[in-house]
């Protein structure tokens, strides 16, 4: 599944800062625009994996997984 997210980015002095609009807490700062996009991509993947592990740990056993689209 190819999911897209929205990066909100801006240059602030000598740095680029950015946030992923849909996922709170995913934000980064880098020296270049390209570096920022890559850092956001990595951080987003890590946050999604952590959130998934956290949800599975909370539910325990006997659960179903269903894909939903919005």
PDB file of N, CA and C in Angstrom:
ATOM      1  N   UNK A   1       0.846  -1.168   0.000  1.00  0.00           N
ATOM      2  CA  UNK A   1       0.000   0.000   0.000  1.00  0.00           C
ATOM      3  C   UNK A   1       0.892   1.232   0.000  1.00  0.00           C
ATOM      4  N   UNK A   2       0.686   2.119  -0.923  1.00  0.00           N
ATOM      5  CA  UNK A   2       1.449   3.351  -1.030  1.00  0.00           C
ATOM      6  C   UNK A   2       0.645   4.470  -0.390  1.00  0.00           C
ATOM      7  N   UNK A   3       1.050   4.862   0.822  1.00  0.00           N
ATOM      8  CA  UNK A   3       0.347   5.899   1.548  1.00  0.00           C
ATOM      9  C   UNK A   3       1.143   7.189   1.467  1.00  0.00           C
ATOM     10  N   UNK A   4       0.459   8.271   1.229  1.00  0.00           N
ATOM     11  CA  UNK A   4       1.117   9.566   1.170  1.00  0.00           C
ATOM     12  C   UNK A   4       0.779  10.387   2.395  1.00  0.00           C
ATOM     13  N   UNK A   5       1.746  11.161   2.843  1.00  0.00           N
ATOM     14  CA  UNK A   5       1.582  12.079   3.958  1.00  0.00           C
ATOM     15  C   UNK A   5       2.002  13.463   3.494  1.00  0.00           C
ATOM     16  N   UNK A   6       1.640  14.471   4.268  1.00  0.00           N
ATOM     17  CA  UNK A   6       1.939  15.845   3.892  1.00  0.00           C
ATOM     18  C   UNK A   6       3.027  16.406   4.792  1.00  0.00           C
ATOM     19  N   UNK A   7       4.127  16.838   4.186  1.00  0.00           N
ATOM     20  CA  UNK A   7       5.197  17.486   4.933  1.00  0.00           C
ATOM     21  C   UNK A   7       4.983  18.995   4.868  1.00  0.00           C
ATOM     22  N   UNK A   8       4.985  19.620   6.028  1.00  0.00           N
ATOM     23  CA  UNK A   8       4.930  21.070   6.130  1.00  0.00           C
ATOM     24  C   UNK A   8       6.362  21.507   6.409  1.00  0.00           C
ATOM     25  N   UNK A   9       6.954  22.272   5.485  1.00  0.00           N
ATOM     26  CA  UNK A   9       8.365  22.612   5.629  1.00  0.00           C
ATOM     27  C   UNK A   9       8.594  24.097   5.429  1.00  0.00           C
ATOM     28  N   UNK A  10       9.671  24.583   6.045  1.00  0.00           N
ATOM     29  CA  UNK A  10      10.084  25.961   5.800  1.00  0.00           C
ATOM     30  C   UNK A  10      11.555  26.110   6.131  1.00  0.00           C
ATOM     31  N   UNK A  11      12.150  27.098   5.505  1.00  0.00           N
ATOM     32  CA  UNK A  11      13.533  27.416   5.805  1.00  0.00           C
ATOM     33  C   UNK A  11      13.535  28.442   6.929  1.00  0.00           C
ATOM     34  N   UNK A  12      14.377  28.214   7.915  1.00  0.00           N
ATOM     35  CA  UNK A  12      14.493  29.104   9.061  1.00  0.00           C
ATOM     36  C   UNK A  12      15.980  29.384   9.275  1.00  0.00           C
ATOM     37  N   UNK A  13      16.422  30.527   8.833  1.00  0.00           N
ATOM     38  CA  UNK A  13      17.853  30.823   8.884  1.00  0.00           C
ATOM     39  C   UNK A  13      18.622  29.888   7.981  1.00  0.00           C
ATOM     40  N   UNK A  14      19.611  29.218   8.541  1.00  0.00           N
ATOM     41  CA  UNK A  14      20.429  28.284   7.765  1.00  0.00           C
ATOM     42  C   UNK A  14      19.880  26.867   7.759  1.00  0.00           C
ATOM     43  N   UNK A  15      18.749  26.645   8.420  1.00  0.00           N
ATOM     44  CA  UNK A  15      18.199  25.295   8.553  1.00  0.00           C
ATOM     45  C   UNK A  15      16.841  25.179   7.868  1.00  0.00           C
ATOM     46  N   UNK A  16      16.486  23.951   7.591  1.00  0.00           N
ATOM     47  CA  UNK A  16      15.145  23.602   7.121  1.00  0.00           C
ATOM     48  C   UNK A  16      14.460  22.846   8.251  1.00  0.00           C
ATOM     49  N   UNK A  17      13.229  23.206   8.546  1.00  0.00           N
ATOM     50  CA  UNK A  17      12.460  22.501   9.566  1.00  0.00           C
ATOM     51  C   UNK A  17      11.175  21.990   8.943  1.00  0.00           C
ATOM     52  N   UNK A  18      10.680  20.863   9.457  1.00  0.00           N
ATOM     53  CA  UNK A  18       9.479  20.289   8.869  1.00  0.00           C
ATOM     54  C   UNK A  18       8.740  19.372   9.826  1.00  0.00           C
ATOM     55  N   UNK A  19       7.479  19.219   9.528  1.00  0.00           N
ATOM     56  CA  UNK A  19       6.565  18.383  10.298  1.00  0.00           C
ATOM     57  C   UNK A  19       5.755  17.552   9.326  1.00  0.00           C
ATOM     58  N   UNK A  20       5.345  16.372   9.775  1.00  0.00           N
ATOM     59  CA  UNK A  20       4.378  15.583   9.005  1.00  0.00           C
ATOM     60  C   UNK A  20       3.011  15.923   9.568  1.00  0.00           C
ATOM     61  N   UNK A  21       2.201  16.516   8.737  1.00  0.00           N
ATOM     62  CA  UNK A  21       0.915  17.074   9.152  1.00  0.00           C
ATOM     63  C   UNK A  21       0.009  16.056   9.832  1.00  0.00           C
ATOM     64  N   UNK A  22      -0.032  14.844   9.334  1.00  0.00           N
ATOM     65  CA  UNK A  22      -0.997  13.853   9.815  1.00  0.00           C
ATOM     66  C   UNK A  22      -0.568  13.090  11.064  1.00  0.00           C
ATOM     67  N   UNK A  23       0.709  13.141  11.425  1.00  0.00           N
ATOM     68  CA  UNK A  23       1.208  12.335  12.538  1.00  0.00           C
ATOM     69  C   UNK A  23       1.888  13.250  13.561  1.00  0.00           C
ATOM     70  N   UNK A  24       1.244  13.523  14.687  1.00  0.00           N
ATOM     71  CA  UNK A  24       1.863  14.375  15.707  1.00  0.00           C
ATOM     72  C   UNK A  24       3.207  13.810  16.169  1.00  0.00           C
ATOM     73  N   UNK A  25       4.149  14.689  16.398  1.00  0.00           N
ATOM     74  CA  UNK A  25       5.448  14.279  16.903  1.00  0.00           C
ATOM     75  C   UNK A  25       6.475  13.961  15.844  1.00  0.00           C
ATOM     76  N   UNK A  26       6.075  13.893  14.580  1.00  0.00           N
ATOM     77  CA  UNK A  26       7.039  13.629  13.511  1.00  0.00           C
ATOM     78  C   UNK A  26       7.487  14.982  12.968  1.00  0.00           C
ATOM     79  N   UNK A  27       8.656  15.398  13.443  1.00  0.00           N
ATOM     80  CA  UNK A  27       9.231  16.668  13.003  1.00  0.00           C
ATOM     81  C   UNK A  27      10.745  16.534  12.988  1.00  0.00           C
ATOM     82  N   UNK A  28      11.391  17.305  12.126  1.00  0.00           N
ATOM     83  CA  UNK A  28      12.841  17.207  11.956  1.00  0.00           C
ATOM     84  C   UNK A  28      13.417  18.562  11.594  1.00  0.00           C
ATOM     85  N   UNK A  29      14.728  18.657  11.710  1.00  0.00           N
ATOM     86  CA  UNK A  29      15.473  19.845  11.310  1.00  0.00           C
ATOM     87  C   UNK A  29      16.753  19.391  10.639  1.00  0.00           C
ATOM     88  N   UNK A  30      17.053  19.954   9.488  1.00  0.00           N
ATOM     89  CA  UNK A  30      18.273  19.590   8.749  1.00  0.00           C
ATOM     90  C   UNK A  30      18.853  20.825   8.062  1.00  0.00           C
ATOM     91  N   UNK A  31      20.058  20.689   7.561  1.00  0.00           N
ATOM     92  CA  UNK A  31      20.744  21.779   6.879  1.00  0.00           C
ATOM     93  C   UNK A  31      20.247  21.993   5.451  1.00  0.00           C
ATOM     94  N   UNK A  32      19.718  20.940   4.819  1.00  0.00           N
ATOM     95  CA  UNK A  32      19.265  21.058   3.431  1.00  0.00           C
ATOM     96  C   UNK A  32      17.822  20.568   3.297  1.00  0.00           C
ATOM     97  N   UNK A  33      17.175  21.030   2.247  1.00  0.00           N
ATOM     98  CA  UNK A  33      15.806  20.590   1.948  1.00  0.00           C
ATOM     99  C   UNK A  33      15.781  19.081   1.721  1.00  0.00           C
ATOM    100  N   UNK A  34      16.718  18.590   0.931  1.00  0.00           N
ATOM    101  CA  UNK A  34      16.770  17.153   0.632  1.00  0.00           C
ATOM    102  C   UNK A  34      17.010  16.336   1.897  1.00  0.00           C
ATOM    103  N   UNK A  35      17.909  16.809   2.752  1.00  0.00           N
ATOM    104  CA  UNK A  35      18.172  16.130   4.009  1.00  0.00           C
ATOM    105  C   UNK A  35      16.957  16.108   4.913  1.00  0.00           C
ATOM    106  N   UNK A  36      16.207  17.213   4.907  1.00  0.00           N
ATOM    107  CA  UNK A  36      14.987  17.276   5.714  1.00  0.00           C
ATOM    108  C   UNK A  36      13.964  16.258   5.249  1.00  0.00           C
ATOM    109  N   UNK A  37      13.736  16.178   3.946  1.00  0.00           N
ATOM    110  CA  UNK A  37      12.752  15.229   3.417  1.00  0.00           C
ATOM    111  C   UNK A  37      13.150  13.802   3.785  1.00  0.00           C
ATOM    112  N   UNK A  38      14.423  13.475   3.660  1.00  0.00           N
ATOM    113  CA  UNK A  38      14.876  12.123   4.009  1.00  0.00           C
ATOM    114  C   UNK A  38      14.707  11.857   5.502  1.00  0.00           C
ATOM    115  N   UNK A  39      15.041  12.825   6.349  1.00  0.00           N
ATOM    116  CA  UNK A  39      14.864  12.656   7.796  1.00  0.00           C
ATOM    117  C   UNK A  39      13.398  12.496   8.170  1.00  0.00           C
ATOM    118  N   UNK A  40      12.536  13.279   7.531  1.00  0.00           N
ATOM    119  CA  UNK A  40      11.098  13.136   7.792  1.00  0.00           C
ATOM    120  C   UNK A  40      10.614  11.754   7.384  1.00  0.00           C
ATOM    121  N   UNK A  41      11.088  11.265   6.247  1.00  0.00           N
ATOM    122  CA  UNK A  41      10.688   9.937   5.758  1.00  0.00           C
ATOM    123  C   UNK A  41      11.107   8.846   6.765  1.00  0.00           C
ATOM    124  N   UNK A  42      12.344   8.917   7.235  1.00  0.00           N
ATOM    125  CA  UNK A  42      12.852   7.930   8.194  1.00  0.00           C
ATOM    126  C   UNK A  42      12.089   8.020   9.509  1.00  0.00           C
ATOM    127  N   UNK A  43      11.906   9.240  10.009  1.00  0.00           N
ATOM    128  CA  UNK A  43      11.218   9.435  11.284  1.00  0.00           C
ATOM    129  C   UNK A  43       9.769   8.981  11.200  1.00  0.00           C
ATOM    130  N   UNK A  44       9.110   9.238  10.083  1.00  0.00           N
ATOM    131  CA  UNK A  44       7.733   8.791   9.885  1.00  0.00           C
ATOM    132  C   UNK A  44       7.652   7.268   9.911  1.00  0.00           C
ATOM    133  N   UNK A  45       8.550   6.594   9.210  1.00  0.00           N
ATOM    134  CA  UNK A  45       8.555   5.125   9.217  1.00  0.00           C
ATOM    135  C   UNK A  45       8.739   4.582  10.629  1.00  0.00           C
ATOM    136  N   UNK A  46       9.667   5.184  11.378  1.00  0.00           N
ATOM    137  CA  UNK A  46       9.914   4.738  12.755  1.00  0.00           C
ATOM    138  C   UNK A  46       8.689   4.973  13.641  1.00  0.00           C
ATOM    139  N   UNK A  47       8.047   6.132  13.488  1.00  0.00           N
ATOM    140  CA  UNK A  47       6.864   6.444  14.300  1.00  0.00           C
ATOM    141  C   UNK A  47       5.720   5.483  13.993  1.00  0.00           C
ATOM    142  N   UNK A  48       5.506   5.178  12.723  1.00  0.00           N
ATOM    143  CA  UNK A  48       4.435   4.245  12.348  1.00  0.00           C
ATOM    144  C   UNK A  48       4.714   2.848  12.897  1.00  0.00           C
ATOM    145  N   UNK A  49       5.973   2.409  12.823  1.00  0.00           N
ATOM    146  CA  UNK A  49       6.328   1.091  13.356  1.00  0.00           C
ATOM    147  C   UNK A  49       6.134   1.058  14.867  1.00  0.00           C
ATOM    148  N   UNK A  50       6.559   2.115  15.561  1.00  0.00           N
ATOM    149  CA  UNK A  50       6.391   2.181  17.009  1.00  0.00           C
ATOM    150  C   UNK A  50       4.909   2.181  17.386  1.00  0.00           C
ATOM    151  N   UNK A  51       4.109   2.995  16.688  1.00  0.00           N
ATOM    152  CA  UNK A  51       2.671   3.055  16.979  1.00  0.00           C
ATOM    153  C   UNK A  51       2.003   1.705  16.741  1.00  0.00           C
ATOM    154  N   UNK A  52       2.427   1.005  15.704  1.00  0.00           N
ATOM    155  CA  UNK A  52       1.863  -0.319  15.415  1.00  0.00           C
ATOM    156  C   UNK A  52       2.204  -1.295  16.543  1.00  0.00           C
ATOM    157  N   UNK A  53       3.472  -1.311  16.953  1.00  0.00           N
ATOM    158  CA  UNK A  53       3.901  -2.197  18.045  1.00  0.00           C
ATOM    159  C   UNK A  53       3.160  -1.868  19.334  1.00  0.00           C
ATOM    160  N   UNK A  54       2.977  -0.594  19.605  1.00  0.00           N
ATOM    161  CA  UNK A  54       2.282  -0.153  20.809  1.00  0.00           C
ATOM    162  C   UNK A  54       0.826  -0.612  20.795  1.00  0.00           C
ATOM    163  N   UNK A  55       0.176  -0.494  19.637  1.00  0.00           N
ATOM    164  CA  UNK A  55      -1.225  -0.914  19.523  1.00  0.00           C
ATOM    165  C   UNK A  55      -1.362  -2.421  19.709  1.00  0.00           C
ATOM    166  N   UNK A  56      -0.468  -3.184  19.103  1.00  0.00           N
ATOM    167  CA  UNK A  56      -0.518  -4.647  19.224  1.00  0.00           C
ATOM    168  C   UNK A  56      -0.263  -5.071  20.662  1.00  0.00           C
ATOM    169  N   UNK A  57       0.684  -4.411  21.329  1.00  0.00           N
ATOM    170  CA  UNK A  57       0.959  -4.740  22.725  1.00  0.00           C
ATOM    171  C   UNK A  57      -0.247  -4.422  23.606  1.00  0.00           C
ATOM    172  N   UNK A  58      -0.951  -3.348  23.300  1.00  0.00           N
ATOM    173  CA  UNK A  58      -2.102  -2.942  24.112  1.00  0.00           C
ATOM    174  C   UNK A  58      -3.289  -3.880  23.939  1.00  0.00           C
ATOM    175  N   UNK A  59      -3.472  -4.411  22.734  1.00  0.00           N
ATOM    176  CA  UNK A  59      -4.655  -5.236  22.471  1.00  0.00           C
ATOM    177  C   UNK A  59      -4.480  -6.674  22.970  1.00  0.00           C
ATOM    178  N   UNK A  60      -3.245  -7.126  23.056  1.00  0.00           N
ATOM    179  CA  UNK A  60      -3.020  -8.492  23.527  1.00  0.00           C
ATOM    180  C   UNK A  60      -3.249  -9.512  22.418  1.00  0.00           C
ATOM    181  N   UNK A  61      -4.059 -10.534  22.710  1.00  0.00           N
ATOM    182  CA  UNK A  61      -4.284 -11.599  21.731  1.00  0.00           C
ATOM    183  C   UNK A  61      -5.733 -11.584  21.268  1.00  0.00           C
ATOM    184  N   UNK A  62      -5.995 -12.368  20.229  1.00  0.00           N
ATOM    185  CA  UNK A  62      -7.360 -12.552  19.744  1.00  0.00           C
ATOM    186  C   UNK A  62      -7.910 -11.350  18.994  1.00  0.00           C
ATOM    187  N   UNK A  63      -7.066 -10.640  18.297  1.00  0.00           N
ATOM    188  CA  UNK A  63      -7.518  -9.443  17.582  1.00  0.00           C
ATOM    189  C   UNK A  63      -7.556  -9.688  16.076  1.00  0.00           C
ATOM    190  N   UNK A  64      -8.248  -8.830  15.372  1.00  0.00           N
ATOM    191  CA  UNK A  64      -8.297  -8.818  13.925  1.00  0.00           C
ATOM    192  C   UNK A  64      -7.616  -7.548  13.424  1.00  0.00           C
ATOM    193  N   UNK A  65      -7.041  -7.619  12.246  1.00  0.00           N
ATOM    194  CA  UNK A  65      -6.513  -6.428  11.586  1.00  0.00           C
ATOM    195  C   UNK A  65      -7.345  -6.186  10.336  1.00  0.00           C
ATOM    196  N   UNK A  66      -7.819  -4.976  10.183  1.00  0.00           N
ATOM    197  CA  UNK A  66      -8.574  -4.612   8.992  1.00  0.00           C
ATOM    198  C   UNK A  66      -8.035  -3.323   8.434  1.00  0.00           C
ATOM    199  N   UNK A  67      -7.901  -3.251   7.116  1.00  0.00           N
ATOM    200  CA  UNK A  67      -7.473  -2.038   6.444  1.00  0.00           C
ATOM    201  C   UNK A  67      -8.667  -1.110   6.335  1.00  0.00           C
ATOM    202  N   UNK A  68      -8.447   0.155   6.592  1.00  0.00           N
ATOM    203  CA  UNK A  68      -9.499   1.146   6.414  1.00  0.00           C
ATOM    204  C   UNK A  68      -8.952   2.296   5.584  1.00  0.00           C
ATOM    205  N   UNK A  69      -9.788   2.881   4.801  1.00  0.00           N
ATOM    206  CA  UNK A  69      -9.396   4.025   3.975  1.00  0.00           C
ATOM    207  C   UNK A  69     -10.257   5.219   4.354  1.00  0.00           C
ATOM    208  N   UNK A  70      -9.646   6.370   4.270  1.00  0.00           N
ATOM    209  CA  UNK A  70     -10.397   7.600   4.554  1.00  0.00           C
ATOM    210  C   UNK A  70     -10.338   8.537   3.368  1.00  0.00           C
TER     211      UNK A  70
END
